[in-house]
Amino acid sequence: MITSEKKQAVIASLAGHKTDTGSAAVQVGIMTERIKELTEHLKVNKKDFAARRGLLQLVGQRKRLLQYIAAHDGQAYLDLIKKLGIRR
C-alpha cells in the first residue's frame, strides 16, 4: 500500500494547481507508484495471484488514462511519461 507521504509527494510533483488532487496526470502518477510497489511484492511472493490480478487491472487503467491524456494534449503526455519513466 502506498504511504500517504509518498502519495502527497507525487501529487505535489504532478499537480497543475494548488488544489489539484484528481487530474488524470496525478492519477497516473499515483498508479505508477502503486504498480512499482506491487511489482516488488510479486518478486518476493510469486504465487500471489490476487495481487497479480490487481496489478494487471492497475496497468490497464493507467494505460486508458494515458490514452486519454495523449488524445487531449500530446505534449503533456510526452512530458508525463518522461517524468515518470514509463515506456511509450
N, C-alpha and C. Protein backbone atom coordinates (compact mmCIF):
# COMPACT_ATOMS: atom_id res chain seq x y z
N MET A 1 0.85 -1.19 0.00
CA MET A 1 0.00 0.00 0.00
C MET A 1 0.88 1.23 0.00
N ILE A 2 0.56 2.17 -0.81
CA ILE A 2 1.34 3.41 -0.93
C ILE A 2 1.12 4.27 0.32
N THR A 3 2.19 4.81 0.86
CA THR A 3 2.06 5.63 2.06
C THR A 3 1.52 7.01 1.70
N SER A 4 0.92 7.67 2.66
CA SER A 4 0.33 8.98 2.39
C SER A 4 1.41 10.01 2.08
N GLU A 5 2.61 9.85 2.66
CA GLU A 5 3.70 10.79 2.37
C GLU A 5 4.14 10.67 0.92
N LYS A 6 4.25 9.42 0.43
CA LYS A 6 4.65 9.20 -0.95
C LYS A 6 3.57 9.71 -1.90
N LYS A 7 2.32 9.51 -1.52
CA LYS A 7 1.20 9.97 -2.33
C LYS A 7 1.19 11.50 -2.42
N GLN A 8 1.43 12.17 -1.29
CA GLN A 8 1.48 13.63 -1.29
C GLN A 8 2.63 14.16 -2.13
N ALA A 9 3.77 13.45 -2.11
CA ALA A 9 4.91 13.86 -2.93
C ALA A 9 4.59 13.75 -4.41
N VAL A 10 3.90 12.69 -4.80
CA VAL A 10 3.51 12.51 -6.20
C VAL A 10 2.54 13.60 -6.60
N ILE A 11 1.57 13.87 -5.75
CA ILE A 11 0.58 14.91 -6.04
C ILE A 11 1.26 16.26 -6.19
N ALA A 12 2.20 16.57 -5.30
CA ALA A 12 2.89 17.85 -5.37
C ALA A 12 3.71 17.99 -6.64
N SER A 13 4.29 16.89 -7.11
CA SER A 13 5.14 16.98 -8.29
C SER A 13 4.35 17.05 -9.59
N LEU A 14 3.12 16.54 -9.60
CA LEU A 14 2.36 16.48 -10.85
C LEU A 14 1.13 17.39 -10.89
N ALA A 15 0.81 18.04 -9.79
CA ALA A 15 -0.40 18.85 -9.72
C ALA A 15 -0.29 20.06 -10.65
N GLY A 16 -1.40 20.38 -11.32
CA GLY A 16 -1.45 21.53 -12.20
C GLY A 16 -1.63 22.83 -11.44
N HIS A 17 -2.30 22.76 -10.29
CA HIS A 17 -2.50 23.93 -9.44
C HIS A 17 -2.54 23.47 -8.00
N LYS A 18 -2.76 24.39 -7.09
CA LYS A 18 -2.62 24.13 -5.66
C LYS A 18 -3.55 23.02 -5.14
N THR A 19 -4.79 23.00 -5.59
CA THR A 19 -5.75 22.04 -5.06
C THR A 19 -6.00 20.87 -6.01
N ASP A 20 -5.12 20.65 -6.96
CA ASP A 20 -5.28 19.57 -7.95
C ASP A 20 -4.86 18.24 -7.34
N THR A 21 -5.85 17.39 -7.03
CA THR A 21 -5.53 16.07 -6.50
C THR A 21 -6.12 14.95 -7.34
N GLY A 22 -6.90 15.27 -8.36
CA GLY A 22 -7.57 14.23 -9.10
C GLY A 22 -7.46 14.32 -10.60
N SER A 23 -6.57 15.15 -11.11
CA SER A 23 -6.43 15.24 -12.56
C SER A 23 -5.86 13.93 -13.09
N ALA A 24 -5.97 13.73 -14.38
CA ALA A 24 -5.51 12.48 -14.99
C ALA A 24 -4.01 12.28 -14.76
N ALA A 25 -3.23 13.34 -14.84
CA ALA A 25 -1.78 13.21 -14.65
C ALA A 25 -1.45 12.76 -13.22
N VAL A 26 -2.14 13.32 -12.25
CA VAL A 26 -1.91 12.95 -10.85
C VAL A 26 -2.34 11.49 -10.63
N GLN A 27 -3.46 11.10 -11.20
CA GLN A 27 -3.92 9.72 -11.07
C GLN A 27 -2.92 8.74 -11.67
N VAL A 28 -2.34 9.09 -12.82
CA VAL A 28 -1.34 8.23 -13.45
C VAL A 28 -0.11 8.12 -12.56
N GLY A 29 0.30 9.23 -11.94
CA GLY A 29 1.46 9.20 -11.05
C GLY A 29 1.24 8.30 -9.84
N ILE A 30 0.07 8.39 -9.25
CA ILE A 30 -0.26 7.55 -8.09
C ILE A 30 -0.31 6.08 -8.50
N MET A 31 -0.92 5.81 -9.63
CA MET A 31 -0.98 4.43 -10.11
C MET A 31 0.42 3.88 -10.38
N THR A 32 1.30 4.71 -10.92
CA THR A 32 2.66 4.27 -11.20
C THR A 32 3.37 3.86 -9.91
N GLU A 33 3.19 4.63 -8.85
CA GLU A 33 3.80 4.26 -7.57
C GLU A 33 3.22 2.95 -7.03
N ARG A 34 1.91 2.79 -7.16
CA ARG A 34 1.28 1.54 -6.71
C ARG A 34 1.77 0.35 -7.53
N ILE A 35 1.95 0.56 -8.83
CA ILE A 35 2.45 -0.51 -9.70
C ILE A 35 3.86 -0.90 -9.31
N LYS A 36 4.70 0.09 -8.98
CA LYS A 36 6.07 -0.22 -8.55
C LYS A 36 6.06 -1.05 -7.27
N GLU A 37 5.21 -0.69 -6.32
CA GLU A 37 5.15 -1.44 -5.07
C GLU A 37 4.62 -2.86 -5.28
N LEU A 38 3.60 -3.00 -6.11
CA LEU A 38 3.06 -4.33 -6.38
C LEU A 38 4.08 -5.20 -7.12
N THR A 39 4.84 -4.59 -8.00
CA THR A 39 5.87 -5.34 -8.72
C THR A 39 6.91 -5.89 -7.76
N GLU A 40 7.35 -5.06 -6.81
CA GLU A 40 8.31 -5.52 -5.81
C GLU A 40 7.71 -6.63 -4.94
N HIS A 41 6.44 -6.49 -4.59
CA HIS A 41 5.75 -7.51 -3.79
C HIS A 41 5.72 -8.85 -4.52
N LEU A 42 5.44 -8.79 -5.83
CA LEU A 42 5.31 -10.02 -6.60
C LEU A 42 6.67 -10.67 -6.88
N LYS A 43 7.76 -9.91 -6.80
CA LYS A 43 9.08 -10.53 -6.94
C LYS A 43 9.36 -11.46 -5.76
N VAL A 44 8.83 -11.10 -4.59
CA VAL A 44 9.03 -11.91 -3.39
C VAL A 44 7.96 -13.00 -3.30
N ASN A 45 6.72 -12.65 -3.58
CA ASN A 45 5.59 -13.56 -3.44
C ASN A 45 5.08 -13.96 -4.83
N LYS A 46 5.73 -14.92 -5.43
CA LYS A 46 5.44 -15.27 -6.81
C LYS A 46 4.05 -15.91 -7.01
N LYS A 47 3.49 -16.50 -5.98
CA LYS A 47 2.22 -17.19 -6.13
C LYS A 47 1.02 -16.38 -5.68
N ASP A 48 1.20 -15.10 -5.44
CA ASP A 48 0.11 -14.23 -5.02
C ASP A 48 -0.67 -13.78 -6.25
N PHE A 49 -1.60 -14.62 -6.67
CA PHE A 49 -2.31 -14.36 -7.92
C PHE A 49 -3.34 -13.25 -7.78
N ALA A 50 -3.84 -13.01 -6.59
CA ALA A 50 -4.78 -11.90 -6.38
C ALA A 50 -4.06 -10.56 -6.59
N ALA A 51 -2.84 -10.47 -6.08
CA ALA A 51 -2.06 -9.25 -6.28
C ALA A 51 -1.68 -9.09 -7.75
N ARG A 52 -1.40 -10.19 -8.42
CA ARG A 52 -1.07 -10.14 -9.85
C ARG A 52 -2.25 -9.61 -10.65
N ARG A 53 -3.45 -10.08 -10.29
CA ARG A 53 -4.66 -9.61 -10.99
C ARG A 53 -4.87 -8.11 -10.75
N GLY A 54 -4.66 -7.68 -9.50
CA GLY A 54 -4.78 -6.27 -9.19
C GLY A 54 -3.76 -5.43 -9.95
N LEU A 55 -2.56 -5.96 -10.10
CA LEU A 55 -1.52 -5.27 -10.85
C LEU A 55 -1.93 -5.12 -12.31
N LEU A 56 -2.44 -6.18 -12.90
CA LEU A 56 -2.86 -6.10 -14.30
C LEU A 56 -4.01 -5.12 -14.49
N GLN A 57 -4.92 -5.06 -13.52
CA GLN A 57 -6.01 -4.09 -13.60
C GLN A 57 -5.48 -2.66 -13.53
N LEU A 58 -4.52 -2.43 -12.63
CA LEU A 58 -3.93 -1.09 -12.50
C LEU A 58 -3.22 -0.68 -13.77
N VAL A 59 -2.47 -1.61 -14.36
CA VAL A 59 -1.74 -1.30 -15.60
C VAL A 59 -2.73 -0.93 -16.71
N GLY A 60 -3.82 -1.67 -16.80
CA GLY A 60 -4.83 -1.37 -17.81
C GLY A 60 -5.50 -0.04 -17.60
N GLN A 61 -5.80 0.28 -16.35
CA GLN A 61 -6.44 1.56 -16.03
C GLN A 61 -5.49 2.71 -16.33
N ARG A 62 -4.20 2.53 -15.98
CA ARG A 62 -3.22 3.57 -16.27
C ARG A 62 -3.07 3.76 -17.77
N LYS A 63 -3.11 2.66 -18.51
CA LYS A 63 -3.00 2.73 -19.97
C LYS A 63 -4.14 3.55 -20.57
N ARG A 64 -5.37 3.32 -20.05
CA ARG A 64 -6.51 4.07 -20.56
C ARG A 64 -6.40 5.56 -20.23
N LEU A 65 -5.94 5.88 -19.03
CA LEU A 65 -5.77 7.29 -18.67
C LEU A 65 -4.69 7.95 -19.54
N LEU A 66 -3.61 7.22 -19.80
CA LEU A 66 -2.55 7.76 -20.66
C LEU A 66 -3.07 7.99 -22.08
N GLN A 67 -3.92 7.10 -22.57
CA GLN A 67 -4.52 7.31 -23.89
C GLN A 67 -5.39 8.56 -23.90
N TYR A 68 -6.11 8.79 -22.83
CA TYR A 68 -6.93 9.99 -22.71
C TYR A 68 -6.07 11.25 -22.74
N ILE A 69 -4.98 11.23 -21.98
CA ILE A 69 -4.09 12.39 -21.94
C ILE A 69 -3.47 12.62 -23.32
N ALA A 70 -3.05 11.55 -23.98
CA ALA A 70 -2.43 11.67 -25.31
C ALA A 70 -3.42 12.22 -26.33
N ALA A 71 -4.69 11.85 -26.22
CA ALA A 71 -5.69 12.33 -27.17
C ALA A 71 -5.99 13.80 -26.98
N HIS A 72 -5.88 14.29 -25.74
CA HIS A 72 -6.23 15.68 -25.47
C HIS A 72 -5.04 16.63 -25.56
N ASP A 73 -3.86 16.18 -25.18
CA ASP A 73 -2.68 17.05 -25.22
C ASP A 73 -1.43 16.17 -25.36
N GLY A 74 -0.97 16.05 -26.59
CA GLY A 74 0.16 15.17 -26.88
C GLY A 74 1.43 15.54 -26.17
N GLN A 75 1.71 16.83 -26.06
CA GLN A 75 2.94 17.27 -25.40
C GLN A 75 2.89 16.98 -23.90
N ALA A 76 1.74 17.17 -23.28
CA ALA A 76 1.60 16.84 -21.85
C ALA A 76 1.82 15.35 -21.63
N TYR A 77 1.35 14.53 -22.56
CA TYR A 77 1.55 13.08 -22.48
C TYR A 77 3.04 12.75 -22.52
N LEU A 78 3.75 13.32 -23.48
CA LEU A 78 5.19 13.05 -23.61
C LEU A 78 5.95 13.51 -22.37
N ASP A 79 5.59 14.68 -21.85
CA ASP A 79 6.24 15.19 -20.64
C ASP A 79 5.98 14.27 -19.44
N LEU A 80 4.75 13.78 -19.33
CA LEU A 80 4.37 12.93 -18.20
C LEU A 80 5.11 11.60 -18.22
N ILE A 81 5.16 10.95 -19.38
CA ILE A 81 5.83 9.64 -19.41
C ILE A 81 7.34 9.80 -19.22
N LYS A 82 7.87 10.94 -19.64
CA LYS A 82 9.30 11.18 -19.41
C LYS A 82 9.56 11.40 -17.92
N LYS A 83 8.69 12.15 -17.27
CA LYS A 83 8.85 12.44 -15.84
C LYS A 83 8.70 11.19 -14.99
N LEU A 84 7.77 10.30 -15.37
CA LEU A 84 7.51 9.10 -14.58
C LEU A 84 8.38 7.92 -14.99
N GLY A 85 9.06 8.03 -16.13
CA GLY A 85 9.91 6.93 -16.57
C GLY A 85 9.13 5.75 -17.12
N ILE A 86 8.02 6.04 -17.79
CA ILE A 86 7.18 5.00 -18.38
C ILE A 86 7.54 4.87 -19.85
N ARG A 87 7.54 3.61 -20.33
CA ARG A 87 7.75 3.40 -21.77
C ARG A 87 6.49 3.78 -22.52
N ARG A 88 6.65 4.12 -23.80
CA ARG A 88 5.51 4.50 -24.61
C ARG A 88 4.60 3.36 -24.88
